[in-house]
């Protein structure tokens, strides 16, 4: 069956573009802190696109009950226009900073887009001069310059290196609190997944303290050191980079293993945390419950999956060991696990127990060749393709913690296998 993704491209519409720029990555990081004023130095069109794409997701999660407070609208823009692109936009930047300061913000982030980066606006001098006028404001300058500094992740990390400086080293360490570290908390962004985490932590007398960095007040960053333990949300390249930043600034390292997904990682995590907190019996009781649920599910649903052939094509910064474990236990023939090339982390190795089964530096051409060679029953991929109408495709969604989310994902795959390749109405002539 032919692949629609590798033919000769004759227009920009068929060209793979950068997913997003460094300026948006930096803005997205600071906008998660709802009491930080974020100034995008550039045209209003950039601010609109960034605000619209982010606000939609945040408002949906608020409607689902994910947040206790109403989401803030803390993005401002200097509003550079055609004249500013020629004569400079320092005047617009200064006016925007003064207006934002007048709103009462004590932290203001200034993020540059392509326009000031290309024309060479002297933003540092302006910020330094205004810092003297506003001694009670902490300024965060992020020279992302749109996509000149890189992509979304590069900008996010530039912002994170500034946010980590907000941690108050004078706050004493407390008891029972757990800090979560991650560049995205996508895997916990439903009430069910959030409640799963709270339930498991409570088994060991623990509770969530702060997230570095997710939606909330900057106070959770300032009081970061108050937590007893740190834990990474996952074991990926991006999260490891954040862990290194925090370690360099505070001396703290994650005492708890990363948030586990799948039965094998979950059992290991429970025993480690049970030993650390002196509650091994609680760990073993939860392991018995989870293993019973997992074995029962596999026995019931294996017949639907056994002998099916899957191809997985995903990102380097994802740990999908839980998915490989699940598909193996369900009897799936995994023809290929391909990790896409990373322009940002050249030479980086995937975080996995299955290095011998993973193809790194995988690309569109190799993917299309595999589709021809294996003709899989299902493709699991984070990348939209052109052949969704002729082949079953699944996305890797919110994974969460432990076994429950994994079994719900298996049910999603099973539903896709039951469905016809195309809707009946498409065959009507």
Protein backbone atom coordinates (compact mmCIF):
# COMPACT_ATOMS: atom_id res chain seq x y z
CA UNK A 1 0.00 0.00 0.00
CA UNK A 2 1.57 3.28 -1.10
CA UNK A 3 2.62 5.91 1.42
CA UNK A 4 1.41 9.45 0.85
CA UNK A 5 4.14 11.19 2.81
CA UNK A 6 7.30 10.86 0.70
CA UNK A 7 6.43 12.02 -2.79
CA UNK A 8 8.22 14.93 -4.41
CA UNK A 9 7.12 18.20 -2.81
CA UNK A 10 6.28 20.97 -5.22
CA UNK A 11 4.97 23.66 -2.87
CA UNK A 12 5.59 25.04 0.61
CA UNK A 13 2.31 23.50 1.74
CA UNK A 14 3.93 20.06 1.54
CA UNK A 15 7.14 21.09 3.27
CA UNK A 16 7.92 20.11 6.84
CA UNK A 17 8.37 23.33 8.80
CA UNK A 18 9.74 24.07 12.26
CA UNK A 19 6.95 23.21 14.71
CA UNK A 20 7.36 26.49 16.61
CA UNK A 21 9.97 29.10 17.41
CA UNK A 22 12.14 29.81 20.44
CA UNK A 23 10.16 32.95 21.23
CA UNK A 24 6.98 30.93 21.68
CA UNK A 25 8.79 28.33 23.79
CA UNK A 26 10.08 31.05 26.12
CA UNK A 27 6.67 32.74 26.27
CA UNK A 28 4.93 29.44 26.99
CA UNK A 29 7.25 28.78 29.94
CA UNK A 30 6.73 32.18 31.57
CA UNK A 31 3.00 32.29 30.83
CA UNK A 32 2.57 29.24 33.05
CA UNK A 33 3.37 31.53 35.97
CA UNK A 34 0.14 33.49 36.22
CA UNK A 35 1.56 36.47 38.15
CA UNK A 36 4.49 37.17 35.80
CA UNK A 37 3.98 39.88 33.18
CA UNK A 38 5.20 38.56 29.82
CA UNK A 39 6.12 41.11 27.15
CA UNK A 40 6.60 39.84 23.63
CA UNK A 41 8.78 42.39 21.84
CA UNK A 42 7.58 42.14 18.27
CA UNK A 43 4.46 42.45 16.09
CA UNK A 44 0.95 41.87 17.41
CA UNK A 45 0.45 39.00 14.97
CA UNK A 46 3.07 36.93 16.82
CA UNK A 47 1.43 37.64 20.17
CA UNK A 48 -2.00 36.73 18.79
CA UNK A 49 -0.87 33.37 17.41
CA UNK A 50 0.98 32.45 20.60
CA UNK A 51 -1.84 33.52 22.89
CA UNK A 52 -4.58 31.88 20.84
CA UNK A 53 -2.91 28.47 20.58
CA UNK A 54 -1.99 28.37 24.25
CA UNK A 55 -5.18 29.86 25.68
CA UNK A 56 -7.39 27.29 23.97
CA UNK A 57 -5.62 24.41 25.72
CA UNK A 58 -5.49 26.17 29.11
CA UNK A 59 -9.18 27.14 29.04
CA UNK A 60 -10.18 23.59 28.10
CA UNK A 61 -8.26 22.22 31.07
CA UNK A 62 -9.80 24.86 33.34
CA UNK A 63 -13.26 23.77 32.18
CA UNK A 64 -12.31 20.18 33.07
CA UNK A 65 -11.51 21.25 36.64
CA UNK A 66 -7.74 21.04 36.36
CA UNK A 67 -7.03 24.43 37.94
CA UNK A 68 -8.37 26.09 41.07
CA UNK A 69 -7.94 29.66 39.82
CA UNK A 70 -9.15 31.40 36.67
CA UNK A 71 -6.38 31.42 34.01
CA UNK A 72 -4.55 34.74 33.79
CA UNK A 73 -4.19 36.88 30.68
CA UNK A 74 -0.64 38.01 31.34
CA UNK A 75 0.75 38.29 27.81
CA UNK A 76 1.58 41.80 26.58
CA UNK A 77 3.09 42.94 23.27
CA UNK A 78 5.20 45.92 22.26
CA UNK A 79 3.32 45.99 18.95
CA UNK A 80 6.16 46.63 16.51
CA UNK A 81 4.94 47.69 13.06
CA UNK A 82 6.49 48.39 9.66
CA UNK A 83 8.02 51.68 10.83
CA UNK A 84 9.57 50.00 13.88
CA UNK A 85 11.10 47.35 11.64
CA UNK A 86 13.07 50.11 9.94
CA UNK A 87 13.72 52.68 12.67
CA UNK A 88 13.78 50.34 15.68
CA UNK A 89 11.26 49.37 18.32
CA UNK A 90 12.94 50.52 21.54
CA UNK A 91 10.31 53.19 22.07
CA UNK A 92 7.53 50.61 21.80
CA UNK A 93 9.38 48.28 24.18
CA UNK A 94 9.88 50.98 26.80
CA UNK A 95 6.22 51.98 26.64
CA UNK A 96 5.14 48.34 27.02
CA UNK A 97 7.42 47.82 30.04
CA UNK A 98 6.09 50.94 31.76
CA UNK A 99 2.48 49.90 31.16
CA UNK A 100 3.14 46.40 32.47
CA UNK A 101 4.93 47.75 35.54
CA UNK A 102 1.96 50.02 36.23
CA UNK A 103 -0.25 46.92 36.45
CA UNK A 104 1.67 45.86 39.54
CA UNK A 105 3.77 42.97 38.26
CA UNK A 106 6.89 42.31 40.33
CA UNK A 107 8.34 39.93 37.73
CA UNK A 108 8.42 40.93 34.05
CA UNK A 109 9.79 38.74 31.26
CA UNK A 110 10.84 40.39 28.00
CA UNK A 111 11.06 37.99 25.05
CA UNK A 112 12.26 39.04 21.62
CA UNK A 113 10.82 37.88 18.30
CA UNK A 114 12.51 37.81 14.89
CA UNK A 115 11.99 41.50 14.10
CA UNK A 116 14.04 43.07 16.94
CA UNK A 117 16.62 40.31 16.60
CA UNK A 118 17.16 41.00 12.91
CA UNK A 119 17.34 44.81 13.18
CA UNK A 120 19.44 44.73 16.36
CA UNK A 121 17.27 46.52 18.94
CA UNK A 122 19.40 47.20 22.04
CA UNK A 123 16.96 45.60 24.45
CA UNK A 124 19.48 44.90 27.26
CA UNK A 125 20.36 48.59 27.59
CA UNK A 126 16.69 49.54 27.77
CA UNK A 127 15.93 46.92 30.41
CA UNK A 128 18.98 47.91 32.45
CA UNK A 129 17.94 51.57 32.41
CA UNK A 130 14.35 50.80 33.43
CA UNK A 131 15.51 48.38 36.13
CA UNK A 132 17.00 51.35 37.93
CA UNK A 133 13.66 53.14 37.77
CA UNK A 134 11.76 50.08 39.01
CA UNK A 135 13.95 48.52 41.73
CA UNK A 136 11.06 46.39 43.00
CA UNK A 137 10.70 44.54 39.70
CA UNK A 138 12.74 41.53 38.68
CA UNK A 139 13.32 41.53 34.91
CA UNK A 140 13.89 38.37 32.88
CA UNK A 141 15.39 39.05 29.46
CA UNK A 142 15.14 36.20 26.94
CA UNK A 143 16.81 37.05 23.56
CA UNK A 144 15.01 34.31 21.66
CA UNK A 145 14.79 36.47 18.51
CA UNK A 146 11.95 34.37 17.12
CA UNK A 147 13.51 31.26 15.60
CA UNK A 148 17.05 32.65 15.42
CA UNK A 149 17.85 31.07 18.80
CA UNK A 150 16.20 27.80 17.77
CA UNK A 151 12.89 26.04 18.13
CA UNK A 152 10.24 25.85 20.86
CA UNK A 153 12.33 23.65 23.16
CA UNK A 154 15.38 25.91 22.90
CA UNK A 155 13.28 28.90 23.93
CA UNK A 156 11.62 26.99 26.74
CA UNK A 157 15.01 26.06 28.17
CA UNK A 158 16.24 29.66 27.90
CA UNK A 159 13.23 30.73 29.97
CA UNK A 160 13.66 27.86 32.44
CA UNK A 161 17.26 28.90 33.13
CA UNK A 162 15.89 32.29 34.23
CA UNK A 163 12.92 30.87 36.16
CA UNK A 164 15.21 28.65 38.22
CA UNK A 165 16.77 31.83 39.59
CA UNK A 166 13.46 32.66 41.27
CA UNK A 167 13.91 29.80 43.78
CA UNK A 168 14.42 31.19 47.30
CA UNK A 169 17.40 29.39 48.79
CA UNK A 170 16.48 30.64 52.27
CA UNK A 171 13.34 28.50 52.48
CA UNK A 172 13.94 25.46 54.73
CA UNK A 173 13.19 21.91 53.58
CA UNK A 174 9.88 20.51 54.89
CA UNK A 175 8.33 17.04 55.19
CA UNK A 176 6.16 15.07 52.81
CA UNK A 177 6.13 17.48 49.86
CA UNK A 178 7.13 16.33 46.37
CA UNK A 179 8.29 18.63 43.57
CA UNK A 180 7.55 17.47 40.02
CA UNK A 181 10.02 18.47 37.28
CA UNK A 182 9.16 18.48 33.59
CA UNK A 183 9.00 20.57 30.43
CA UNK A 184 5.42 19.39 29.93
CA UNK A 185 2.81 17.99 32.30
CA UNK A 186 0.67 16.75 29.43
CA UNK A 187 0.53 13.25 30.95
CA UNK A 188 -1.20 14.57 34.09
CA UNK A 189 -3.56 17.08 32.50
CA UNK A 190 -6.86 15.39 33.25
CA UNK A 191 -8.61 15.12 36.63
CA UNK A 192 -8.41 11.31 36.49
CA UNK A 193 -4.65 11.25 35.93
CA UNK A 194 -4.08 13.97 38.54
CA UNK A 195 -6.15 12.04 41.09
CA UNK A 196 -4.24 8.81 40.31
CA UNK A 197 -1.01 10.58 41.26
CA UNK A 198 -2.46 12.03 44.45
CA UNK A 199 -3.79 8.65 45.53
CA UNK A 200 -0.47 6.88 45.05
CA UNK A 201 1.56 9.58 46.78
CA UNK A 202 -0.81 9.46 49.73
CA UNK A 203 -0.02 5.76 50.22
CA UNK A 204 3.41 6.86 51.40
CA UNK A 205 2.39 9.96 53.33
CA UNK A 206 3.41 12.26 50.48
CA UNK A 207 1.70 15.08 48.61
CA UNK A 208 2.46 17.22 45.57
CA UNK A 209 4.21 20.47 46.48
CA UNK A 210 5.23 22.32 43.29
CA UNK A 211 5.68 21.80 39.57
CA UNK A 212 8.68 23.10 37.68
CA UNK A 213 7.08 24.39 35.69
CA UNK A 214 3.30 24.25 35.20
CA UNK A 215 0.30 26.55 35.56
CA UNK A 216 0.28 28.36 38.89
CA UNK A 217 1.67 31.28 40.88
CA UNK A 218 5.38 32.05 40.97
CA UNK A 219 5.21 31.44 44.73
CA UNK A 220 5.41 27.70 44.03
CA UNK A 221 8.79 28.31 42.37
CA UNK A 222 10.05 30.58 45.14
CA UNK A 223 9.13 28.00 47.79
CA UNK A 224 10.49 25.09 45.75
CA UNK A 225 13.04 24.16 48.45
CA UNK A 226 10.25 23.57 50.96
CA UNK A 227 9.55 20.11 49.47
CA UNK A 228 11.16 17.04 50.98
CA UNK A 229 11.66 15.21 47.67
CA UNK A 230 12.07 15.96 43.96
CA UNK A 231 10.80 13.72 41.16
CA UNK A 232 11.10 14.01 37.37
CA UNK A 233 7.87 13.71 35.43
CA UNK A 234 9.67 11.43 32.95
CA UNK A 235 13.17 10.32 31.99
CA UNK A 236 13.64 12.25 28.75
CA UNK A 237 16.35 14.47 27.31
CA UNK A 238 14.38 17.67 28.01
CA UNK A 239 13.53 16.73 31.59
CA UNK A 240 17.12 15.74 32.30
CA UNK A 241 18.17 19.19 31.12
CA UNK A 242 15.77 20.80 33.61
CA UNK A 243 17.02 18.53 36.40
CA UNK A 244 20.59 19.63 35.67
CA UNK A 245 19.53 23.30 35.81
CA UNK A 246 17.88 22.85 39.19
CA UNK A 247 20.80 20.84 40.53
CA UNK A 248 23.23 23.56 39.46
CA UNK A 249 21.16 26.31 41.09
CA UNK A 250 20.07 24.55 44.30
CA UNK A 251 22.16 21.43 44.78
CA UNK A 252 18.96 19.35 44.82
CA UNK A 253 18.61 16.13 42.82
CA UNK A 254 15.54 13.90 42.39
CA UNK A 255 15.41 11.41 45.25
CA UNK A 256 12.37 9.62 43.83
CA UNK A 257 12.55 7.70 40.53
CA UNK A 258 10.79 9.31 37.55
CA UNK A 259 7.01 9.07 37.31
CA UNK A 260 6.41 5.44 36.24
CA UNK A 261 4.23 4.23 33.40
CA UNK A 262 3.42 0.56 32.83
CA UNK A 263 3.43 -2.40 35.19
CA UNK A 264 7.19 -3.02 35.25
CA UNK A 265 8.26 0.56 35.96
CA UNK A 266 5.38 1.00 38.39
CA UNK A 267 6.41 -1.99 40.53
CA UNK A 268 10.03 -0.81 40.63
CA UNK A 269 8.94 2.72 41.54
CA UNK A 270 6.63 1.56 44.33
CA UNK A 271 9.33 -0.56 45.95
CA UNK A 272 11.86 2.28 45.73
CA UNK A 273 9.48 4.81 47.28
CA UNK A 274 8.29 2.30 49.88
CA UNK A 275 11.89 1.77 50.97
CA UNK A 276 12.65 5.50 51.01
CA UNK A 277 9.60 6.36 53.14
CA UNK A 278 9.69 3.27 55.36
CA UNK A 279 6.39 1.90 54.00
CA UNK A 280 7.30 -1.30 52.10
CA UNK A 281 3.99 -2.98 53.00
CA UNK A 282 2.02 -0.21 51.31
CA UNK A 283 4.17 -0.69 48.19
CA UNK A 284 3.61 -4.45 48.04
CA UNK A 285 -0.14 -4.10 48.52
CA UNK A 286 -0.36 -1.64 45.62
CA UNK A 287 1.83 -3.85 43.43
CA UNK A 288 -0.46 -6.84 44.05
CA UNK A 289 -3.51 -4.77 43.14
CA UNK A 290 -1.92 -3.37 39.96
CA UNK A 291 -0.51 -6.71 38.77
CA UNK A 292 -3.87 -8.40 39.24
CA UNK A 293 -5.62 -5.75 37.17
CA UNK A 294 -2.96 -5.91 34.46
CA UNK A 295 -2.91 -9.71 34.15
CA UNK A 296 -6.68 -9.87 34.04
CA UNK A 297 -6.84 -7.27 31.28
CA UNK A 298 -4.17 -8.97 29.15
CA UNK A 299 -5.89 -12.35 29.40
CA UNK A 300 -9.22 -10.86 28.37
CA UNK A 301 -8.01 -8.69 25.48
CA UNK A 302 -5.03 -10.58 24.05
CA UNK A 303 -7.11 -12.36 21.40
CA UNK A 304 -7.93 -9.04 19.72
CA UNK A 305 -4.23 -8.09 19.38
CA UNK A 306 -2.43 -11.40 18.91
CA UNK A 307 -0.63 -11.57 15.56
CA UNK A 308 -1.36 -7.97 14.56
CA UNK A 309 1.57 -6.05 13.11
CA UNK A 310 2.37 -2.54 14.35
CA UNK A 311 4.90 0.15 13.36
CA UNK A 312 5.81 2.88 15.87
CA UNK A 313 7.28 6.20 14.72
CA UNK A 314 7.84 8.78 17.44
CA UNK A 315 10.10 11.41 18.98
CA UNK A 316 13.52 10.90 20.50
CA UNK A 317 12.52 12.56 23.77
CA UNK A 318 9.76 10.06 24.55
CA UNK A 319 10.23 6.96 26.69
CA UNK A 320 7.85 4.36 25.28
CA UNK A 321 9.11 1.26 27.09
CA UNK A 322 5.64 0.93 28.64
CA UNK A 323 4.13 0.74 25.14
CA UNK A 324 6.59 -1.90 23.97
CA UNK A 325 5.90 -3.92 27.14
CA UNK A 326 2.14 -3.63 26.64
CA UNK A 327 2.19 -4.65 22.98
CA UNK A 328 4.54 -7.57 23.70
CA UNK A 329 2.24 -8.83 26.45
CA UNK A 330 -0.77 -8.53 24.12
CA UNK A 331 0.98 -10.61 21.45
CA UNK A 332 1.53 -7.82 18.90
CA UNK A 333 4.24 -8.22 16.25
CA UNK A 334 6.16 -4.91 16.53
CA UNK A 335 7.78 -4.62 13.10
CA UNK A 336 9.59 -1.36 13.78
CA UNK A 337 10.16 1.18 16.54
CA UNK A 338 11.60 4.27 14.88
CA UNK A 339 12.75 7.41 16.67
CA UNK A 340 12.77 10.55 14.54
CA UNK A 341 15.99 12.46 14.01
CA UNK A 342 16.50 15.36 16.40
CA UNK A 343 18.09 18.52 14.99
CA UNK A 344 18.40 19.91 18.53
CA UNK A 345 19.99 16.89 20.19
CA UNK A 346 22.29 15.49 17.55
CA UNK A 347 23.82 12.22 18.66
CA UNK A 348 21.52 11.90 21.67
CA UNK A 349 20.47 8.38 22.57
CA UNK A 350 16.91 7.42 23.43
CA UNK A 351 16.08 6.66 27.05
CA UNK A 352 15.01 3.02 26.90
CA UNK A 353 15.50 -0.55 28.03
CA UNK A 354 15.04 -1.64 24.42
CA UNK A 355 17.98 -0.03 22.64
CA UNK A 356 18.46 -3.17 20.55
CA UNK A 357 14.91 -2.92 19.19
CA UNK A 358 14.88 0.80 18.36
CA UNK A 359 15.95 2.40 15.10
CA UNK A 360 17.37 5.86 15.71
CA UNK A 361 17.73 8.62 13.10
CA UNK A 362 14.53 7.32 11.57
CA UNK A 363 12.95 9.55 8.94
CA UNK A 364 10.06 9.85 6.49
CA UNK A 365 11.79 7.84 3.79
CA UNK A 366 12.54 4.92 6.11
CA UNK A 367 9.00 5.08 7.43
CA UNK A 368 7.49 4.86 3.93
CA UNK A 369 9.78 1.95 3.06
CA UNK A 370 8.61 0.14 6.19
CA UNK A 371 4.98 0.69 5.30
CA UNK A 372 5.61 -0.97 1.94
CA UNK A 373 7.63 -3.81 3.46
CA UNK A 374 5.50 -4.62 6.52
CA UNK A 375 1.98 -3.41 5.57
CA UNK A 376 1.14 -2.95 9.28
CA UNK A 377 -2.32 -3.28 10.79
CA UNK A 378 -1.67 -0.16 12.87
CA UNK A 379 0.72 2.79 12.88
CA UNK A 380 1.36 4.52 16.19
CA UNK A 381 2.85 7.93 15.53
CA UNK A 382 2.91 11.51 16.78
CA UNK A 383 3.21 12.81 13.24
CA UNK A 384 0.22 13.40 10.95
CA UNK A 385 0.44 11.47 7.72
CA UNK A 386 -1.26 11.63 4.35
CA UNK A 387 -2.61 8.08 4.36
CA UNK A 388 -4.93 8.10 7.39
CA UNK A 389 -7.86 7.04 5.19
CA UNK A 390 -6.13 3.83 4.07
CA UNK A 391 -4.34 2.76 7.26
CA UNK A 392 -5.21 2.70 10.96
CA UNK A 393 -3.34 5.36 12.91
CA UNK A 394 -3.12 5.90 16.67
CA UNK A 395 -1.61 8.76 18.64
CA UNK A 396 0.25 8.49 21.94
CA UNK A 397 -1.97 10.51 24.24
CA UNK A 398 -1.91 11.38 27.93
CA UNK A 399 -0.14 8.47 29.57
CA UNK A 400 -0.25 9.22 33.28
CA UNK A 401 1.06 7.13 36.16
CA UNK A 402 0.94 3.42 36.81
CA UNK A 403 -1.22 0.80 35.15
CA UNK A 404 -4.67 2.34 34.76
CA UNK A 405 -3.77 4.80 31.97
CA UNK A 406 -1.91 2.08 30.08
CA UNK A 407 -4.95 -0.19 30.09
CA UNK A 408 -7.16 2.67 28.95
CA UNK A 409 -4.74 3.26 26.08
CA UNK A 410 -4.95 -0.43 25.14
CA UNK A 411 -8.74 -0.10 24.99
CA UNK A 412 -8.30 2.87 22.63
CA UNK A 413 -6.10 0.75 20.34
CA UNK A 414 -8.61 -2.09 20.48
CA UNK A 415 -11.43 0.23 19.46
CA UNK A 416 -9.39 1.38 16.44
CA UNK A 417 -8.76 -2.21 15.40
CA UNK A 418 -12.50 -2.90 15.49
CA UNK A 419 -13.35 0.03 13.24
CA UNK A 420 -13.28 -0.18 9.43
CA UNK A 421 -10.49 1.65 7.66
CA UNK A 422 -12.89 4.26 6.32
CA UNK A 423 -16.40 5.38 7.19
CA UNK A 424 -19.22 3.84 5.18
CA UNK A 425 -20.31 7.15 3.72
CA UNK A 426 -16.95 7.55 2.01
CA UNK A 427 -17.74 4.53 -0.20
CA UNK A 428 -21.02 5.98 -1.45
CA UNK A 429 -20.86 7.15 -5.08
